[in-house]
Amino acid sequence: MSRSQKNARRNYKREYETFHKKPSQLKRNNARHRARYAAEKAGKVHVGDKKDVHHKDGNPQNNSPSNLQVMPEGKNRSRK
């Protein structure tokens, strides 16, 4: 990575326009939110508890209870 790339500022507006705004990404994000909401309703997680709802198969569209797992956000976000 060159020095100019390392110090370049992140363009959030461009990132949203080219990636996060796509219908496919909106659908995936909505599915993640539904999984979190279902876990909150079941009492497995609470607002501000530093926990994430992990999809075991990596597919956020698959919100079956057997595919969801609650884990600390640090562990979940460090997974590849």
PDB file of N, CA and C in Angstrom:
ATOM      1  N   MET A   1       0.852  -1.177   0.000  1.00  0.00           N
ATOM      2  CA  MET A   1       0.000   0.000   0.000  1.00  0.00           C
ATOM      3  C   MET A   1       0.894   1.235   0.000  1.00  0.00           C
ATOM      4  N   SER A   2       0.649   2.144  -0.925  1.00  0.00           N
ATOM      5  CA  SER A   2       1.467   3.339  -0.996  1.00  0.00           C
ATOM      6  C   SER A   2       1.080   4.317   0.109  1.00  0.00           C
ATOM      7  N   ARG A   3       1.952   5.247   0.339  1.00  0.00           N
ATOM      8  CA  ARG A   3       1.732   6.220   1.409  1.00  0.00           C
ATOM      9  C   ARG A   3       0.494   7.074   1.152  1.00  0.00           C
ATOM     10  N   SER A   4       0.243   7.445  -0.115  1.00  0.00           N
ATOM     11  CA  SER A   4      -0.927   8.269  -0.430  1.00  0.00           C
ATOM     12  C   SER A   4      -2.226   7.508  -0.185  1.00  0.00           C
ATOM     13  N   GLN A   5      -2.218   6.195  -0.451  1.00  0.00           N
ATOM     14  CA  GLN A   5      -3.405   5.389  -0.190  1.00  0.00           C
ATOM     15  C   GLN A   5      -3.654   5.247   1.304  1.00  0.00           C
ATOM     16  N   LYS A   6      -2.586   5.133   2.066  1.00  0.00           N
ATOM     17  CA  LYS A   6      -2.706   4.957   3.504  1.00  0.00           C
ATOM     18  C   LYS A   6      -3.298   6.194   4.163  1.00  0.00           C
ATOM     19  N   ASN A   7      -2.947   7.382   3.688  1.00  0.00           N
ATOM     20  CA  ASN A   7      -3.398   8.627   4.281  1.00  0.00           C
ATOM     21  C   ASN A   7      -4.637   9.195   3.612  1.00  0.00           C
ATOM     22  N   ALA A   8      -5.154   8.507   2.598  1.00  0.00           N
ATOM     23  CA  ALA A   8      -6.335   9.008   1.894  1.00  0.00           C
ATOM     24  C   ALA A   8      -7.549   8.940   2.809  1.00  0.00           C
ATOM     25  N   ARG A   9      -8.398   9.927   2.703  1.00  0.00           N
ATOM     26  CA  ARG A   9      -9.619   9.951   3.509  1.00  0.00           C
ATOM     27  C   ARG A   9     -10.670   9.068   2.861  1.00  0.00           C
ATOM     28  N   ARG A  10     -11.465   8.439   3.675  1.00  0.00           N
ATOM     29  CA  ARG A  10     -12.506   7.542   3.199  1.00  0.00           C
ATOM     30  C   ARG A  10     -13.689   8.360   2.697  1.00  0.00           C
ATOM     31  N   ASN A  11     -14.175   8.032   1.508  1.00  0.00           N
ATOM     32  CA  ASN A  11     -15.287   8.749   0.908  1.00  0.00           C
ATOM     33  C   ASN A  11     -16.575   7.954   1.167  1.00  0.00           C
ATOM     34  N   TYR A  12     -17.231   8.277   2.274  1.00  0.00           N
ATOM     35  CA  TYR A  12     -18.417   7.529   2.681  1.00  0.00           C
ATOM     36  C   TYR A  12     -19.572   7.707   1.710  1.00  0.00           C
ATOM     37  N   LYS A  13     -19.719   8.884   1.139  1.00  0.00           N
ATOM     38  CA  LYS A  13     -20.813   9.127   0.195  1.00  0.00           C
ATOM     39  C   LYS A  13     -20.655   8.248  -1.045  1.00  0.00           C
ATOM     40  N   ARG A  14     -19.442   8.165  -1.574  1.00  0.00           N
ATOM     41  CA  ARG A  14     -19.174   7.334  -2.741  1.00  0.00           C
ATOM     42  C   ARG A  14     -19.373   5.857  -2.397  1.00  0.00           C
ATOM     43  N   GLU A  15     -18.936   5.463  -1.213  1.00  0.00           N
ATOM     44  CA  GLU A  15     -19.089   4.078  -0.764  1.00  0.00           C
ATOM     45  C   GLU A  15     -20.578   3.699  -0.693  1.00  0.00           C
ATOM     46  N   TYR A  16     -21.404   4.602  -0.166  1.00  0.00           N
ATOM     47  CA  TYR A  16     -22.832   4.339  -0.079  1.00  0.00           C
ATOM     48  C   TYR A  16     -23.443   4.224  -1.472  1.00  0.00           C
ATOM     49  N   GLU A  17     -23.075   5.137  -2.351  1.00  0.00           N
ATOM     50  CA  GLU A  17     -23.645   5.155  -3.701  1.00  0.00           C
ATOM     51  C   GLU A  17     -23.258   3.912  -4.502  1.00  0.00           C
ATOM     52  N   THR A  18     -22.035   3.419  -4.314  1.00  0.00           N
ATOM     53  CA  THR A  18     -21.559   2.308  -5.139  1.00  0.00           C
ATOM     54  C   THR A  18     -21.797   0.936  -4.523  1.00  0.00           C
ATOM     55  N   PHE A  19     -22.052   0.863  -3.206  1.00  0.00           N
ATOM     56  CA  PHE A  19     -22.191  -0.450  -2.585  1.00  0.00           C
ATOM     57  C   PHE A  19     -23.424  -0.563  -1.687  1.00  0.00           C
ATOM     58  N   HIS A  20     -23.510   0.242  -0.650  1.00  0.00           N
ATOM     59  CA  HIS A  20     -24.549   0.089   0.367  1.00  0.00           C
ATOM     60  C   HIS A  20     -25.954   0.408  -0.134  1.00  0.00           C
ATOM     61  N   LYS A  21     -26.061   1.138  -1.204  1.00  0.00           N
ATOM     62  CA  LYS A  21     -27.361   1.537  -1.740  1.00  0.00           C
ATOM     63  C   LYS A  21     -27.951   0.477  -2.677  1.00  0.00           C
ATOM     64  N   LYS A  22     -27.158  -0.495  -3.068  1.00  0.00           N
ATOM     65  CA  LYS A  22     -27.640  -1.522  -3.993  1.00  0.00           C
ATOM     66  C   LYS A  22     -28.768  -2.329  -3.343  1.00  0.00           C
ATOM     67  N   PRO A  23     -29.795  -2.667  -4.107  1.00  0.00           N
ATOM     68  CA  PRO A  23     -30.916  -3.434  -3.552  1.00  0.00           C
ATOM     69  C   PRO A  23     -30.480  -4.748  -2.900  1.00  0.00           C
ATOM     70  N   SER A  24     -29.492  -5.409  -3.476  1.00  0.00           N
ATOM     71  CA  SER A  24     -29.037  -6.682  -2.893  1.00  0.00           C
ATOM     72  C   SER A  24     -28.429  -6.462  -1.506  1.00  0.00           C
ATOM     73  N   GLN A  25     -27.671  -5.371  -1.342  1.00  0.00           N
ATOM     74  CA  GLN A  25     -27.053  -5.085  -0.046  1.00  0.00           C
ATOM     75  C   GLN A  25     -28.087  -4.601   0.962  1.00  0.00           C
ATOM     76  N   LEU A  26     -29.071  -3.848   0.504  1.00  0.00           N
ATOM     77  CA  LEU A  26     -30.143  -3.405   1.400  1.00  0.00           C
ATOM     78  C   LEU A  26     -30.916  -4.615   1.931  1.00  0.00           C
ATOM     79  N   LYS A  27     -31.146  -5.596   1.073  1.00  0.00           N
ATOM     80  CA  LYS A  27     -31.868  -6.803   1.457  1.00  0.00           C
ATOM     81  C   LYS A  27     -31.073  -7.610   2.485  1.00  0.00           C
ATOM     82  N   ARG A  28     -29.756  -7.734   2.273  1.00  0.00           N
ATOM     83  CA  ARG A  28     -28.911  -8.472   3.214  1.00  0.00           C
ATOM     84  C   ARG A  28     -28.860  -7.769   4.574  1.00  0.00           C
ATOM     85  N   ASN A  29     -28.746  -6.459   4.568  1.00  0.00           N
ATOM     86  CA  ASN A  29     -28.689  -5.706   5.819  1.00  0.00           C
ATOM     87  C   ASN A  29     -30.015  -5.814   6.573  1.00  0.00           C
ATOM     88  N   ASN A  30     -31.116  -5.768   5.842  1.00  0.00           N
ATOM     89  CA  ASN A  30     -32.432  -5.912   6.453  1.00  0.00           C
ATOM     90  C   ASN A  30     -32.561  -7.285   7.121  1.00  0.00           C
ATOM     91  N   ALA A  31     -32.037  -8.324   6.487  1.00  0.00           N
ATOM     92  CA  ALA A  31     -32.090  -9.673   7.063  1.00  0.00           C
ATOM     93  C   ALA A  31     -31.267  -9.742   8.341  1.00  0.00           C
ATOM     94  N   ARG A  32     -30.124  -9.062   8.381  1.00  0.00           N
ATOM     95  CA  ARG A  32     -29.303  -9.021   9.603  1.00  0.00           C
ATOM     96  C   ARG A  32     -30.067  -8.350  10.731  1.00  0.00           C
ATOM     97  N   HIS A  33     -30.755  -7.270  10.414  1.00  0.00           N
ATOM     98  CA  HIS A  33     -31.534  -6.556  11.430  1.00  0.00           C
ATOM     99  C   HIS A  33     -32.683  -7.417  11.954  1.00  0.00           C
ATOM    100  N   ARG A  34     -33.326  -8.172  11.066  1.00  0.00           N
ATOM    101  CA  ARG A  34     -34.412  -9.059  11.492  1.00  0.00           C
ATOM    102  C   ARG A  34     -33.900 -10.135  12.444  1.00  0.00           C
ATOM    103  N   ALA A  35     -32.700 -10.649  12.189  1.00  0.00           N
ATOM    104  CA  ALA A  35     -32.109 -11.666  13.062  1.00  0.00           C
ATOM    105  C   ALA A  35     -31.829 -11.076  14.438  1.00  0.00           C
ATOM    106  N   ARG A  36     -31.300  -9.872  14.473  1.00  0.00           N
ATOM    107  CA  ARG A  36     -31.012  -9.211  15.747  1.00  0.00           C
ATOM    108  C   ARG A  36     -32.314  -8.959  16.519  1.00  0.00           C
ATOM    109  N   TYR A  37     -33.335  -8.498  15.818  1.00  0.00           N
ATOM    110  CA  TYR A  37     -34.623  -8.216  16.450  1.00  0.00           C
ATOM    111  C   TYR A  37     -35.238  -9.490  17.027  1.00  0.00           C
ATOM    112  N   ALA A  38     -35.145 -10.596  16.297  1.00  0.00           N
ATOM    113  CA  ALA A  38     -35.690 -11.869  16.777  1.00  0.00           C
ATOM    114  C   ALA A  38     -34.957 -12.322  18.043  1.00  0.00           C
ATOM    115  N   ALA A  39     -33.647 -12.138  18.087  1.00  0.00           N
ATOM    116  CA  ALA A  39     -32.868 -12.514  19.265  1.00  0.00           C
ATOM    117  C   ALA A  39     -33.207 -11.611  20.453  1.00  0.00           C
ATOM    118  N   GLU A  40     -33.456 -10.330  20.191  1.00  0.00           N
ATOM    119  CA  GLU A  40     -33.862  -9.411  21.264  1.00  0.00           C
ATOM    120  C   GLU A  40     -35.222  -9.823  21.823  1.00  0.00           C
ATOM    121  N   LYS A  41     -36.130 -10.170  20.941  1.00  0.00           N
ATOM    122  CA  LYS A  41     -37.469 -10.558  21.358  1.00  0.00           C
ATOM    123  C   LYS A  41     -37.436 -11.853  22.175  1.00  0.00           C
ATOM    124  N   ALA A  42     -36.501 -12.751  21.842  1.00  0.00           N
ATOM    125  CA  ALA A  42     -36.361 -14.011  22.565  1.00  0.00           C
ATOM    126  C   ALA A  42     -35.585 -13.839  23.871  1.00  0.00           C
ATOM    127  N   GLY A  43     -35.029 -12.649  24.097  1.00  0.00           N
ATOM    128  CA  GLY A  43     -34.293 -12.382  25.331  1.00  0.00           C
ATOM    129  C   GLY A  43     -32.848 -12.841  25.312  1.00  0.00           C
ATOM    130  N   LYS A  44     -32.323 -13.171  24.143  1.00  0.00           N
ATOM    131  CA  LYS A  44     -30.945 -13.645  24.039  1.00  0.00           C
ATOM    132  C   LYS A  44     -29.939 -12.501  24.032  1.00  0.00           C
ATOM    133  N   VAL A  45     -30.338 -11.345  23.510  1.00  0.00           N
ATOM    134  CA  VAL A  45     -29.476 -10.160  23.484  1.00  0.00           C
ATOM    135  C   VAL A  45     -30.281  -8.951  23.940  1.00  0.00           C
ATOM    136  N   HIS A  46     -29.561  -7.915  24.344  1.00  0.00           N
ATOM    137  CA  HIS A  46     -30.195  -6.678  24.782  1.00  0.00           C
ATOM    138  C   HIS A  46     -29.458  -5.503  24.159  1.00  0.00           C
ATOM    139  N   VAL A  47     -30.111  -4.365  24.090  1.00  0.00           N
ATOM    140  CA  VAL A  47     -29.503  -3.172  23.520  1.00  0.00           C
ATOM    141  C   VAL A  47     -28.292  -2.791  24.359  1.00  0.00           C
ATOM    142  N   GLY A  48     -27.150  -2.585  23.708  1.00  0.00           N
ATOM    143  CA  GLY A  48     -25.937  -2.143  24.385  1.00  0.00           C
ATOM    144  C   GLY A  48     -25.169  -3.236  25.097  1.00  0.00           C
ATOM    145  N   ASP A  49     -25.443  -4.501  24.824  1.00  0.00           N
ATOM    146  CA  ASP A  49     -24.773  -5.593  25.531  1.00  0.00           C
ATOM    147  C   ASP A  49     -23.476  -6.059  24.864  1.00  0.00           C
ATOM    148  N   LYS A  50     -23.075  -5.407  23.771  1.00  0.00           N
ATOM    149  CA  LYS A  50     -21.838  -5.736  23.048  1.00  0.00           C
ATOM    150  C   LYS A  50     -21.848  -7.168  22.508  1.00  0.00           C
ATOM    151  N   LYS A  51     -23.015  -7.621  22.064  1.00  0.00           N
ATOM    152  CA  LYS A  51     -23.146  -8.955  21.478  1.00  0.00           C
ATOM    153  C   LYS A  51     -23.650  -8.819  20.041  1.00  0.00           C
ATOM    154  N   ASP A  52     -23.235  -9.755  19.198  1.00  0.00           N
ATOM    155  CA  ASP A  52     -23.694  -9.827  17.814  1.00  0.00           C
ATOM    156  C   ASP A  52     -24.433 -11.136  17.597  1.00  0.00           C
ATOM    157  N   VAL A  53     -25.332 -11.136  16.629  1.00  0.00           N
ATOM    158  CA  VAL A  53     -26.000 -12.359  16.218  1.00  0.00           C
ATOM    159  C   VAL A  53     -25.266 -12.856  14.979  1.00  0.00           C
ATOM    160  N   HIS A  54     -24.616 -14.000  15.130  1.00  0.00           N
ATOM    161  CA  HIS A  54     -23.766 -14.574  14.087  1.00  0.00           C
ATOM    162  C   HIS A  54     -24.555 -15.586  13.266  1.00  0.00           C
ATOM    163  N   HIS A  55     -24.409 -15.525  11.943  1.00  0.00           N
ATOM    164  CA  HIS A  55     -25.005 -16.507  11.043  1.00  0.00           C
ATOM    165  C   HIS A  55     -23.942 -17.576  10.783  1.00  0.00           C
ATOM    166  N   LYS A  56     -24.168 -18.777  11.249  1.00  0.00           N
ATOM    167  CA  LYS A  56     -23.166 -19.848  11.162  1.00  0.00           C
ATOM    168  C   LYS A  56     -22.750 -20.149   9.726  1.00  0.00           C
ATOM    169  N   ASP A  57     -23.712 -20.139   8.793  1.00  0.00           N
ATOM    170  CA  ASP A  57     -23.380 -20.457   7.406  1.00  0.00           C
ATOM    171  C   ASP A  57     -22.951 -19.231   6.598  1.00  0.00           C
ATOM    172  N   GLY A  58     -22.912 -18.063   7.225  1.00  0.00           N
ATOM    173  CA  GLY A  58     -22.467 -16.850   6.545  1.00  0.00           C
ATOM    174  C   GLY A  58     -23.513 -16.207   5.661  1.00  0.00           C
ATOM    175  N   ASN A  59     -24.712 -16.775   5.623  1.00  0.00           N
ATOM    176  CA  ASN A  59     -25.777 -16.252   4.780  1.00  0.00           C
ATOM    177  C   ASN A  59     -26.766 -15.470   5.642  1.00  0.00           C
ATOM    178  N   PRO A  60     -26.794 -14.128   5.554  1.00  0.00           N
ATOM    179  CA  PRO A  60     -27.709 -13.358   6.389  1.00  0.00           C
ATOM    180  C   PRO A  60     -29.175 -13.575   6.037  1.00  0.00           C
ATOM    181  N   GLN A  61     -29.449 -14.172   4.887  1.00  0.00           N
ATOM    182  CA  GLN A  61     -30.839 -14.447   4.505  1.00  0.00           C
ATOM    183  C   GLN A  61     -31.400 -15.650   5.271  1.00  0.00           C
ATOM    184  N   ASN A  62     -30.525 -16.502   5.793  1.00  0.00           N
ATOM    185  CA  ASN A  62     -30.944 -17.709   6.501  1.00  0.00           C
ATOM    186  C   ASN A  62     -31.059 -17.393   7.996  1.00  0.00           C
ATOM    187  N   ASN A  63     -32.264 -17.029   8.437  1.00  0.00           N
ATOM    188  CA  ASN A  63     -32.485 -16.659   9.830  1.00  0.00           C
ATOM    189  C   ASN A  63     -33.158 -17.769  10.632  1.00  0.00           C
ATOM    190  N   SER A  64     -32.911 -19.019  10.263  1.00  0.00           N
ATOM    191  CA  SER A  64     -33.475 -20.114  11.048  1.00  0.00           C
ATOM    192  C   SER A  64     -32.747 -20.173  12.393  1.00  0.00           C
ATOM    193  N   PRO A  65     -33.447 -20.507  13.458  1.00  0.00           N
ATOM    194  CA  PRO A  65     -32.826 -20.525  14.788  1.00  0.00           C
ATOM    195  C   PRO A  65     -31.580 -21.406  14.875  1.00  0.00           C
ATOM    196  N   SER A  66     -31.541 -22.490  14.124  1.00  0.00           N
ATOM    197  CA  SER A  66     -30.368 -23.370  14.159  1.00  0.00           C
ATOM    198  C   SER A  66     -29.144 -22.735  13.497  1.00  0.00           C
ATOM    199  N   ASN A  67     -29.336 -21.692  12.713  1.00  0.00           N
ATOM    200  CA  ASN A  67     -28.234 -21.028  12.023  1.00  0.00           C
ATOM    201  C   ASN A  67     -27.731 -19.802  12.780  1.00  0.00           C
ATOM    202  N   LEU A  68     -28.446 -19.366  13.802  1.00  0.00           N
ATOM    203  CA  LEU A  68     -28.072 -18.154  14.523  1.00  0.00           C
ATOM    204  C   LEU A  68     -27.362 -18.491  15.822  1.00  0.00           C
ATOM    205  N   GLN A  69     -26.369 -17.667  16.159  1.00  0.00           N
ATOM    206  CA  GLN A  69     -25.606 -17.866  17.378  1.00  0.00           C
ATOM    207  C   GLN A  69     -25.251 -16.495  17.938  1.00  0.00           C
ATOM    208  N   VAL A  70     -25.366 -16.322  19.239  1.00  0.00           N
ATOM    209  CA  VAL A  70     -25.008 -15.061  19.887  1.00  0.00           C
ATOM    210  C   VAL A  70     -23.561 -15.164  20.358  1.00  0.00           C
ATOM    211  N   MET A  71     -22.758 -14.152  20.023  1.00  0.00           N
ATOM    212  CA  MET A  71     -21.363 -14.138  20.462  1.00  0.00           C
ATOM    213  C   MET A  71     -20.912 -12.699  20.679  1.00  0.00           C
ATOM    214  N   PRO A  72     -19.835 -12.493  21.420  1.00  0.00           N
ATOM    215  CA  PRO A  72     -19.327 -11.143  21.637  1.00  0.00           C
ATOM    216  C   PRO A  72     -18.959 -10.487  20.305  1.00  0.00           C
ATOM    217  N   GLU A  73     -19.216  -9.188  20.202  1.00  0.00           N
ATOM    218  CA  GLU A  73     -18.985  -8.522  18.910  1.00  0.00           C
ATOM    219  C   GLU A  73     -17.523  -8.568  18.497  1.00  0.00           C
ATOM    220  N   GLY A  74     -16.598  -8.517  19.430  1.00  0.00           N
ATOM    221  CA  GLY A  74     -15.179  -8.582  19.077  1.00  0.00           C
ATOM    222  C   GLY A  74     -14.807  -9.892  18.418  1.00  0.00           C
ATOM    223  N   LYS A  75     -15.350 -10.979  18.915  1.00  0.00           N
ATOM    224  CA  LYS A  75     -15.065 -12.288  18.337  1.00  0.00           C
ATOM    225  C   LYS A  75     -15.729 -12.434  16.970  1.00  0.00           C
ATOM    226  N   ASN A  76     -16.978 -11.988  16.860  1.00  0.00           N
ATOM    227  CA  ASN A  76     -17.702 -12.118  15.592  1.00  0.00           C
ATOM    228  C   ASN A  76     -17.086 -11.252  14.498  1.00  0.00           C
ATOM    229  N   ARG A  77     -16.677 -10.072  14.827  1.00  0.00           N
ATOM    230  CA  ARG A  77     -16.165  -9.151  13.799  1.00  0.00           C
ATOM    231  C   ARG A  77     -14.719  -9.443  13.422  1.00  0.00           C
ATOM    232  N   SER A  78     -14.040 -10.291  14.166  1.00  0.00           N
ATOM    233  CA  SER A  78     -12.673 -10.659  13.815  1.00  0.00           C
ATOM    234  C   SER A  78     -12.641 -11.909  12.959  1.00  0.00           C
ATOM    235  N   ARG A  79     -13.802 -12.551  12.747  1.00  0.00           N
ATOM    236  CA  ARG A  79     -13.872 -13.760  11.938  1.00  0.00           C
ATOM    237  C   ARG A  79     -13.721 -13.409  10.459  1.00  0.00           C
ATOM    238  N   LYS A  80     -13.170 -14.333   9.685  1.00  0.00           N
ATOM    239  CA  LYS A  80     -13.005 -14.101   8.256  1.00  0.00           C
ATOM    240  C   LYS A  80     -14.199 -14.624   7.513  1.00  0.00           C
TER     241      LYS A  80
END
